[in-house]
N, C-alpha and C. Protein backbone atom coordinates (compact mmCIF):
# COMPACT_ATOMS: atom_id res chain seq x y z
N UNK A 1 -2.07 21.69 -33.72
CA UNK A 1 -1.31 20.54 -34.17
C UNK A 1 -1.46 19.43 -33.15
N UNK A 2 -1.82 18.24 -33.59
CA UNK A 2 -1.98 17.11 -32.68
C UNK A 2 -0.64 16.42 -32.48
N UNK A 3 -0.41 16.03 -31.23
CA UNK A 3 0.79 15.29 -30.89
C UNK A 3 0.44 13.82 -30.83
N UNK A 4 1.22 12.95 -31.46
CA UNK A 4 0.91 11.53 -31.39
C UNK A 4 1.02 11.03 -29.95
N UNK A 5 0.18 10.07 -29.61
CA UNK A 5 0.21 9.48 -28.27
C UNK A 5 1.41 8.56 -28.18
N UNK A 6 2.36 8.95 -27.36
CA UNK A 6 3.57 8.14 -27.18
C UNK A 6 3.65 7.62 -25.76
N UNK A 7 2.52 7.47 -25.12
CA UNK A 7 2.50 7.00 -23.74
C UNK A 7 3.18 5.65 -23.62
N UNK A 8 4.00 5.52 -22.59
CA UNK A 8 4.66 4.24 -22.35
C UNK A 8 3.87 3.38 -21.38
N UNK A 9 2.68 3.84 -20.98
CA UNK A 9 1.83 3.06 -20.08
C UNK A 9 1.25 1.89 -20.86
N UNK A 10 1.60 0.66 -20.47
CA UNK A 10 1.09 -0.48 -21.24
C UNK A 10 -0.42 -0.68 -21.06
N UNK A 11 -1.08 -1.03 -22.15
CA UNK A 11 -2.50 -1.37 -22.14
C UNK A 11 -2.58 -2.89 -22.12
N UNK A 12 -3.09 -3.44 -21.02
CA UNK A 12 -3.09 -4.89 -20.81
C UNK A 12 -4.50 -5.45 -20.82
N UNK A 13 -4.66 -6.69 -21.31
CA UNK A 13 -5.97 -7.34 -21.23
C UNK A 13 -6.22 -7.82 -19.80
N UNK A 14 -7.48 -8.08 -19.49
CA UNK A 14 -7.85 -8.67 -18.20
C UNK A 14 -7.89 -10.17 -18.35
N UNK A 15 -7.23 -10.85 -17.44
CA UNK A 15 -7.22 -12.30 -17.42
C UNK A 15 -8.39 -12.77 -16.56
N UNK A 16 -9.44 -13.29 -17.21
CA UNK A 16 -10.58 -13.83 -16.47
C UNK A 16 -10.20 -15.18 -15.90
N UNK A 17 -10.73 -15.49 -14.75
CA UNK A 17 -10.39 -16.76 -14.12
C UNK A 17 -11.34 -17.85 -14.59
N UNK A 18 -10.78 -18.83 -15.26
CA UNK A 18 -11.49 -20.03 -15.69
C UNK A 18 -10.65 -21.18 -15.14
N UNK A 19 -11.14 -21.78 -14.08
CA UNK A 19 -10.31 -22.72 -13.35
C UNK A 19 -11.21 -23.74 -12.66
N UNK A 20 -10.73 -24.92 -12.48
CA UNK A 20 -11.44 -25.96 -11.71
C UNK A 20 -10.82 -26.04 -10.33
N UNK A 21 -11.68 -26.15 -9.32
CA UNK A 21 -11.19 -26.33 -7.96
C UNK A 21 -10.77 -27.78 -7.79
N UNK A 22 -9.73 -28.01 -7.01
CA UNK A 22 -9.18 -29.36 -6.88
C UNK A 22 -10.15 -30.34 -6.23
N UNK A 23 -11.09 -29.85 -5.43
CA UNK A 23 -12.08 -30.71 -4.78
C UNK A 23 -13.36 -30.73 -5.61
N UNK A 24 -13.71 -31.90 -6.12
CA UNK A 24 -14.91 -32.01 -6.96
C UNK A 24 -16.17 -31.62 -6.19
N UNK A 25 -16.19 -31.89 -4.87
CA UNK A 25 -17.38 -31.57 -4.07
C UNK A 25 -17.60 -30.06 -3.98
N UNK A 26 -16.53 -29.28 -3.90
CA UNK A 26 -16.63 -27.84 -3.76
C UNK A 26 -16.62 -27.10 -5.10
N UNK A 27 -16.28 -27.80 -6.19
CA UNK A 27 -16.14 -27.13 -7.48
C UNK A 27 -17.41 -26.42 -7.95
N UNK A 28 -18.62 -26.97 -7.79
CA UNK A 28 -19.81 -26.22 -8.23
C UNK A 28 -19.93 -24.84 -7.56
N UNK A 29 -19.68 -24.78 -6.26
CA UNK A 29 -19.73 -23.49 -5.56
C UNK A 29 -18.60 -22.58 -6.03
N UNK A 30 -17.44 -23.15 -6.31
CA UNK A 30 -16.31 -22.39 -6.83
C UNK A 30 -16.65 -21.79 -8.19
N UNK A 31 -17.29 -22.57 -9.06
CA UNK A 31 -17.66 -22.08 -10.38
C UNK A 31 -18.66 -20.91 -10.29
N UNK A 32 -19.60 -21.01 -9.35
CA UNK A 32 -20.56 -19.93 -9.16
C UNK A 32 -19.85 -18.67 -8.68
N UNK A 33 -18.87 -18.83 -7.80
CA UNK A 33 -18.07 -17.71 -7.33
C UNK A 33 -17.33 -17.05 -8.50
N UNK A 34 -16.76 -17.85 -9.38
CA UNK A 34 -15.97 -17.30 -10.48
C UNK A 34 -16.78 -16.41 -11.42
N UNK A 35 -18.05 -16.74 -11.60
CA UNK A 35 -18.91 -15.90 -12.45
C UNK A 35 -18.94 -14.47 -11.89
N UNK A 36 -19.17 -14.36 -10.59
CA UNK A 36 -19.26 -13.04 -9.95
C UNK A 36 -17.86 -12.42 -9.85
N UNK A 37 -16.86 -13.23 -9.52
CA UNK A 37 -15.47 -12.75 -9.44
C UNK A 37 -15.06 -12.04 -10.73
N UNK A 38 -15.35 -12.67 -11.85
CA UNK A 38 -14.97 -12.10 -13.14
C UNK A 38 -15.75 -10.82 -13.46
N UNK A 39 -16.99 -10.73 -12.99
CA UNK A 39 -17.77 -9.50 -13.18
C UNK A 39 -17.14 -8.34 -12.41
N UNK A 40 -16.75 -8.61 -11.17
CA UNK A 40 -16.10 -7.58 -10.35
C UNK A 40 -14.74 -7.22 -10.96
N UNK A 41 -14.03 -8.21 -11.46
CA UNK A 41 -12.72 -7.95 -12.08
C UNK A 41 -12.85 -6.98 -13.25
N UNK A 42 -13.89 -7.14 -14.06
CA UNK A 42 -14.11 -6.21 -15.18
C UNK A 42 -14.36 -4.79 -14.70
N UNK A 43 -15.10 -4.64 -13.62
CA UNK A 43 -15.37 -3.31 -13.06
C UNK A 43 -14.07 -2.67 -12.58
N UNK A 44 -13.27 -3.44 -11.83
CA UNK A 44 -12.03 -2.88 -11.30
C UNK A 44 -10.98 -2.64 -12.38
N UNK A 45 -10.97 -3.47 -13.42
CA UNK A 45 -10.02 -3.28 -14.51
C UNK A 45 -10.29 -1.95 -15.22
N UNK A 46 -11.56 -1.58 -15.33
CA UNK A 46 -11.94 -0.35 -16.01
C UNK A 46 -11.70 0.89 -15.14
N UNK A 47 -11.49 0.70 -13.85
CA UNK A 47 -11.22 1.82 -12.93
C UNK A 47 -9.75 2.24 -13.06
N UNK A 48 -9.40 3.39 -12.54
CA UNK A 48 -7.99 3.80 -12.60
C UNK A 48 -7.08 2.79 -11.88
N UNK A 49 -5.87 2.63 -12.42
CA UNK A 49 -4.90 1.72 -11.79
C UNK A 49 -4.70 2.14 -10.33
N UNK A 50 -4.70 1.14 -9.44
CA UNK A 50 -4.53 1.41 -8.02
C UNK A 50 -5.83 1.48 -7.25
N UNK A 51 -6.97 1.36 -7.93
CA UNK A 51 -8.28 1.38 -7.25
C UNK A 51 -8.40 0.14 -6.36
N UNK A 52 -8.87 0.34 -5.14
CA UNK A 52 -9.04 -0.75 -4.17
C UNK A 52 -10.51 -0.83 -3.78
N UNK A 53 -11.14 -1.95 -4.07
CA UNK A 53 -12.52 -2.19 -3.64
C UNK A 53 -12.49 -2.76 -2.23
N UNK A 54 -13.40 -2.31 -1.40
CA UNK A 54 -13.51 -2.83 -0.04
C UNK A 54 -14.73 -3.73 0.01
N UNK A 55 -14.50 -5.01 0.24
CA UNK A 55 -15.56 -6.01 0.29
C UNK A 55 -15.50 -6.66 1.66
N UNK A 56 -16.42 -6.25 2.53
CA UNK A 56 -16.38 -6.63 3.94
C UNK A 56 -15.00 -6.25 4.48
N UNK A 57 -14.26 -7.19 5.04
CA UNK A 57 -12.93 -6.86 5.59
C UNK A 57 -11.81 -7.13 4.59
N UNK A 58 -12.17 -7.47 3.38
CA UNK A 58 -11.18 -7.80 2.34
C UNK A 58 -11.01 -6.64 1.36
N UNK A 59 -9.83 -6.62 0.75
CA UNK A 59 -9.55 -5.66 -0.32
C UNK A 59 -9.43 -6.42 -1.62
N UNK A 60 -9.95 -5.85 -2.69
CA UNK A 60 -9.81 -6.40 -4.03
C UNK A 60 -9.15 -5.37 -4.91
N UNK A 61 -8.24 -5.81 -5.76
CA UNK A 61 -7.60 -4.90 -6.69
C UNK A 61 -7.15 -5.67 -7.92
N UNK A 62 -6.92 -4.93 -8.98
CA UNK A 62 -6.43 -5.49 -10.23
C UNK A 62 -5.00 -5.00 -10.42
N UNK A 63 -4.14 -5.92 -10.83
CA UNK A 63 -2.73 -5.58 -11.07
C UNK A 63 -2.18 -6.56 -12.11
N UNK A 64 -1.07 -6.18 -12.75
CA UNK A 64 -0.52 -7.05 -13.80
C UNK A 64 0.29 -8.21 -13.24
N UNK A 65 0.02 -9.38 -13.78
CA UNK A 65 0.83 -10.57 -13.52
C UNK A 65 1.02 -11.23 -14.88
N UNK A 66 2.24 -11.55 -15.21
CA UNK A 66 2.51 -12.01 -16.56
C UNK A 66 2.28 -10.85 -17.50
N UNK A 67 1.55 -11.08 -18.56
CA UNK A 67 1.27 -10.03 -19.54
C UNK A 67 -0.20 -9.62 -19.54
N UNK A 68 -0.85 -9.77 -18.38
CA UNK A 68 -2.27 -9.42 -18.29
C UNK A 68 -2.60 -8.95 -16.88
N UNK A 69 -3.75 -8.31 -16.76
CA UNK A 69 -4.25 -7.90 -15.46
C UNK A 69 -5.00 -9.07 -14.83
N UNK A 70 -4.92 -9.18 -13.52
CA UNK A 70 -5.67 -10.18 -12.78
C UNK A 70 -6.19 -9.53 -11.51
N UNK A 71 -7.28 -10.06 -10.97
CA UNK A 71 -7.82 -9.52 -9.73
C UNK A 71 -7.30 -10.34 -8.56
N UNK A 72 -6.99 -9.62 -7.47
CA UNK A 72 -6.45 -10.23 -6.27
C UNK A 72 -7.30 -9.86 -5.07
N UNK A 73 -7.25 -10.72 -4.05
CA UNK A 73 -7.97 -10.55 -2.80
C UNK A 73 -6.94 -10.51 -1.68
N UNK A 74 -7.12 -9.61 -0.73
CA UNK A 74 -6.21 -9.55 0.41
C UNK A 74 -6.95 -9.06 1.63
N UNK A 75 -6.66 -9.68 2.77
CA UNK A 75 -7.22 -9.22 4.04
C UNK A 75 -6.29 -8.23 4.70
N UNK A 76 -5.04 -8.14 4.23
CA UNK A 76 -4.07 -7.29 4.91
C UNK A 76 -3.30 -6.36 3.97
N UNK A 77 -3.92 -5.95 2.88
CA UNK A 77 -3.29 -4.98 1.98
C UNK A 77 -3.28 -3.61 2.64
N UNK A 78 -2.13 -2.94 2.61
CA UNK A 78 -2.03 -1.57 3.09
C UNK A 78 -1.35 -0.73 2.02
N UNK A 79 -1.51 0.58 2.07
CA UNK A 79 -0.87 1.43 1.06
C UNK A 79 0.66 1.49 1.16
N UNK A 80 1.23 0.92 2.24
CA UNK A 80 2.69 1.03 2.40
C UNK A 80 3.40 -0.31 2.50
N UNK A 81 2.82 -1.29 3.15
CA UNK A 81 3.51 -2.58 3.35
C UNK A 81 3.40 -3.45 2.11
N UNK A 82 4.46 -4.17 1.78
CA UNK A 82 4.44 -5.06 0.62
C UNK A 82 4.38 -6.53 1.02
N UNK A 83 4.39 -6.81 2.31
CA UNK A 83 4.46 -8.21 2.75
C UNK A 83 3.11 -8.83 3.06
N UNK A 84 2.01 -8.17 2.72
CA UNK A 84 0.70 -8.75 2.95
C UNK A 84 0.42 -9.88 1.97
N UNK A 85 -0.40 -10.80 2.37
CA UNK A 85 -0.76 -11.92 1.49
C UNK A 85 -1.84 -11.49 0.50
N UNK A 86 -1.67 -11.91 -0.74
CA UNK A 86 -2.67 -11.67 -1.77
C UNK A 86 -2.98 -12.99 -2.46
N UNK A 87 -4.21 -13.13 -2.93
CA UNK A 87 -4.64 -14.39 -3.52
C UNK A 87 -5.47 -14.16 -4.76
N UNK A 88 -5.40 -15.11 -5.67
CA UNK A 88 -6.31 -15.24 -6.80
C UNK A 88 -7.07 -16.54 -6.58
N UNK A 89 -8.19 -16.76 -7.26
CA UNK A 89 -8.91 -18.02 -7.06
C UNK A 89 -8.05 -19.26 -7.32
N UNK A 90 -7.10 -19.15 -8.23
CA UNK A 90 -6.21 -20.29 -8.49
C UNK A 90 -5.39 -20.67 -7.27
N UNK A 91 -5.27 -19.74 -6.32
CA UNK A 91 -4.46 -19.98 -5.11
C UNK A 91 -5.28 -20.56 -3.96
N UNK A 92 -6.61 -20.53 -4.06
CA UNK A 92 -7.45 -20.98 -2.96
C UNK A 92 -7.20 -22.46 -2.69
N UNK A 93 -7.09 -22.80 -1.42
CA UNK A 93 -6.82 -24.18 -1.03
C UNK A 93 -7.51 -24.44 0.31
N UNK A 94 -8.21 -25.55 0.41
CA UNK A 94 -8.85 -25.92 1.67
C UNK A 94 -10.07 -25.08 2.00
N UNK A 95 -10.71 -24.52 0.99
CA UNK A 95 -11.88 -23.69 1.22
C UNK A 95 -13.12 -24.49 0.85
N UNK A 96 -14.12 -24.43 1.70
CA UNK A 96 -15.33 -25.20 1.47
C UNK A 96 -16.38 -24.42 0.70
N UNK A 97 -17.42 -25.14 0.29
CA UNK A 97 -18.51 -24.55 -0.49
C UNK A 97 -19.17 -23.40 0.24
N UNK A 98 -19.33 -23.51 1.57
CA UNK A 98 -19.96 -22.43 2.33
C UNK A 98 -19.14 -21.14 2.26
N UNK A 99 -17.81 -21.27 2.33
CA UNK A 99 -16.94 -20.09 2.26
C UNK A 99 -16.97 -19.47 0.86
N UNK A 100 -17.04 -20.32 -0.18
CA UNK A 100 -17.17 -19.79 -1.54
C UNK A 100 -18.48 -19.02 -1.67
N UNK A 101 -19.56 -19.57 -1.11
CA UNK A 101 -20.87 -18.92 -1.18
C UNK A 101 -20.85 -17.59 -0.42
N UNK A 102 -20.15 -17.54 0.73
CA UNK A 102 -20.05 -16.29 1.49
C UNK A 102 -19.31 -15.22 0.69
N UNK A 103 -18.20 -15.60 0.05
CA UNK A 103 -17.45 -14.64 -0.75
C UNK A 103 -18.27 -14.20 -1.95
N UNK A 104 -18.98 -15.12 -2.58
CA UNK A 104 -19.85 -14.76 -3.71
C UNK A 104 -20.90 -13.74 -3.26
N UNK A 105 -21.52 -13.99 -2.14
CA UNK A 105 -22.55 -13.06 -1.63
C UNK A 105 -21.94 -11.69 -1.33
N UNK A 106 -20.75 -11.68 -0.76
CA UNK A 106 -20.08 -10.40 -0.46
C UNK A 106 -19.79 -9.63 -1.76
N UNK A 107 -19.35 -10.33 -2.79
CA UNK A 107 -19.08 -9.69 -4.07
C UNK A 107 -20.36 -9.16 -4.70
N UNK A 108 -21.44 -9.91 -4.59
CA UNK A 108 -22.73 -9.46 -5.12
C UNK A 108 -23.23 -8.22 -4.38
N UNK A 109 -23.04 -8.20 -3.05
CA UNK A 109 -23.43 -7.01 -2.27
C UNK A 109 -22.59 -5.81 -2.71
N UNK A 110 -21.30 -6.05 -2.96
CA UNK A 110 -20.42 -4.96 -3.39
C UNK A 110 -20.88 -4.42 -4.75
N UNK A 111 -21.24 -5.30 -5.67
CA UNK A 111 -21.69 -4.83 -6.98
C UNK A 111 -22.97 -3.99 -6.86
N UNK A 112 -23.81 -4.32 -5.90
CA UNK A 112 -25.05 -3.56 -5.70
C UNK A 112 -24.78 -2.20 -5.06
N UNK A 113 -23.74 -2.11 -4.25
CA UNK A 113 -23.40 -0.85 -3.55
C UNK A 113 -21.88 -0.81 -3.36
N UNK A 114 -21.14 -0.46 -4.41
CA UNK A 114 -19.68 -0.49 -4.34
C UNK A 114 -19.10 0.46 -3.29
N UNK A 115 -18.12 -0.03 -2.56
CA UNK A 115 -17.36 0.79 -1.62
C UNK A 115 -15.88 0.62 -1.95
N UNK A 116 -15.15 1.69 -1.73
CA UNK A 116 -13.73 1.69 -2.08
C UNK A 116 -12.89 2.09 -0.88
N UNK A 117 -11.66 1.64 -0.88
CA UNK A 117 -10.69 2.01 0.14
C UNK A 117 -9.73 3.02 -0.47
N UNK A 118 -8.85 3.53 0.34
CA UNK A 118 -7.84 4.45 -0.15
C UNK A 118 -7.05 3.78 -1.28
N UNK A 119 -6.93 4.43 -2.42
CA UNK A 119 -6.18 3.80 -3.52
C UNK A 119 -4.71 3.60 -3.17
N UNK A 120 -4.11 2.65 -3.80
CA UNK A 120 -2.66 2.43 -3.71
C UNK A 120 -2.04 2.91 -5.01
N UNK A 121 -0.80 3.29 -4.96
CA UNK A 121 -0.14 3.65 -6.21
C UNK A 121 0.08 2.36 -7.01
N UNK A 122 0.01 2.44 -8.32
CA UNK A 122 0.29 1.25 -9.12
C UNK A 122 1.67 0.68 -8.84
N UNK A 123 2.65 1.54 -8.58
CA UNK A 123 4.00 1.03 -8.30
C UNK A 123 4.03 0.25 -6.99
N UNK A 124 3.21 0.65 -6.00
CA UNK A 124 3.14 -0.12 -4.75
C UNK A 124 2.54 -1.50 -5.02
N UNK A 125 1.48 -1.56 -5.83
CA UNK A 125 0.88 -2.85 -6.15
C UNK A 125 1.88 -3.73 -6.91
N UNK A 126 2.71 -3.13 -7.75
CA UNK A 126 3.76 -3.90 -8.43
C UNK A 126 4.74 -4.47 -7.41
N UNK A 127 5.05 -3.71 -6.36
CA UNK A 127 5.94 -4.21 -5.30
C UNK A 127 5.28 -5.35 -4.53
N UNK A 128 3.98 -5.24 -4.28
CA UNK A 128 3.24 -6.31 -3.59
C UNK A 128 3.28 -7.58 -4.44
N UNK A 129 3.09 -7.44 -5.75
CA UNK A 129 3.17 -8.60 -6.65
C UNK A 129 4.56 -9.21 -6.63
N UNK A 130 5.58 -8.38 -6.62
CA UNK A 130 6.95 -8.89 -6.59
C UNK A 130 7.19 -9.69 -5.32
N UNK A 131 6.64 -9.24 -4.20
CA UNK A 131 6.82 -9.94 -2.93
C UNK A 131 6.03 -11.24 -2.86
N UNK A 132 4.87 -11.29 -3.53
CA UNK A 132 4.00 -12.46 -3.44
C UNK A 132 4.12 -13.44 -4.60
N UNK A 133 4.38 -12.93 -5.78
CA UNK A 133 4.35 -13.76 -6.98
C UNK A 133 5.65 -13.73 -7.78
N UNK A 134 6.69 -13.20 -7.19
CA UNK A 134 7.97 -13.10 -7.87
C UNK A 134 7.80 -12.49 -9.26
N UNK A 135 7.11 -11.35 -9.31
CA UNK A 135 6.87 -10.62 -10.55
C UNK A 135 7.72 -9.35 -10.53
N UNK A 136 9.04 -9.48 -10.59
CA UNK A 136 9.88 -8.28 -10.45
C UNK A 136 9.77 -7.32 -11.63
N UNK A 137 9.29 -7.78 -12.75
CA UNK A 137 9.20 -6.90 -13.92
C UNK A 137 7.77 -6.44 -14.21
N UNK A 138 6.92 -6.51 -13.20
CA UNK A 138 5.54 -6.02 -13.39
C UNK A 138 5.59 -4.53 -13.70
N UNK A 139 4.75 -4.07 -14.62
CA UNK A 139 4.74 -2.63 -14.93
C UNK A 139 4.45 -1.80 -13.69
N UNK A 140 5.06 -0.64 -13.62
CA UNK A 140 4.86 0.28 -12.50
C UNK A 140 3.60 1.12 -12.69
N UNK A 141 3.01 1.03 -13.86
CA UNK A 141 1.75 1.69 -14.17
C UNK A 141 1.13 0.91 -15.33
N UNK A 142 -0.17 0.99 -15.49
CA UNK A 142 -0.84 0.24 -16.55
C UNK A 142 -2.21 0.84 -16.79
N UNK A 143 -2.82 0.36 -17.85
CA UNK A 143 -4.20 0.68 -18.15
C UNK A 143 -4.84 -0.57 -18.76
N UNK A 144 -6.15 -0.64 -18.66
CA UNK A 144 -6.91 -1.76 -19.19
C UNK A 144 -7.10 -1.56 -20.69
N UNK A 145 -6.80 -2.58 -21.48
CA UNK A 145 -6.94 -2.49 -22.93
C UNK A 145 -8.39 -2.65 -23.39
N UNK A 146 -9.26 -3.12 -22.50
CA UNK A 146 -10.64 -3.39 -22.87
C UNK A 146 -10.85 -4.82 -23.36
N UNK A 147 -9.76 -5.58 -23.46
CA UNK A 147 -9.84 -6.97 -23.92
C UNK A 147 -9.76 -7.91 -22.72
N UNK A 148 -10.28 -9.13 -22.92
CA UNK A 148 -10.18 -10.15 -21.88
C UNK A 148 -9.56 -11.41 -22.47
N UNK A 149 -9.00 -12.21 -21.59
CA UNK A 149 -8.52 -13.54 -21.97
C UNK A 149 -8.75 -14.45 -20.78
N UNK A 150 -8.77 -15.75 -21.02
CA UNK A 150 -9.04 -16.72 -19.96
C UNK A 150 -7.74 -17.31 -19.43
N UNK A 151 -7.75 -17.63 -18.12
CA UNK A 151 -6.63 -18.37 -17.56
C UNK A 151 -6.73 -19.79 -18.04
N UNK A 152 -5.67 -20.51 -17.90
CA UNK A 152 -5.73 -21.94 -18.23
C UNK A 152 -6.33 -22.66 -17.04
N UNK A 153 -7.35 -23.44 -17.28
CA UNK A 153 -8.03 -24.16 -16.21
C UNK A 153 -7.30 -25.44 -15.85
N UNK A 154 -7.76 -26.04 -14.77
CA UNK A 154 -7.16 -27.28 -14.30
C UNK A 154 -7.98 -28.44 -14.75
């Protein structure tokens, strides 16, 4: 006898980043970065919740914000502390074209040879989001629905 799936784990779409950088001079490099950023986001969204990619000295992870998953970057994410800074491309400020190109290259190297860090529990990532983005109602667990949607650009 089959039991119906009554899982309360929400299936969320991935929010792809479609955004304009505030500096017109740096925007072309930013747009090139976003192409690769969104490719990595799809890979991490399909991985188990709490997967942490290690890209040079940075950590990348996918977690829910609003009603969708988004990818975040952090230089100081730990499995226990919730006060580390996390960023999405929409948060980048004062970054030049060279730095965007460096991050793009690092993401491309990661896609060619992925490395991972110790996973975090999804509930810990929800706590990190609450501390950084005032997302107190972020799901404590989630799964990728397989769908994508775009952020609103500037």
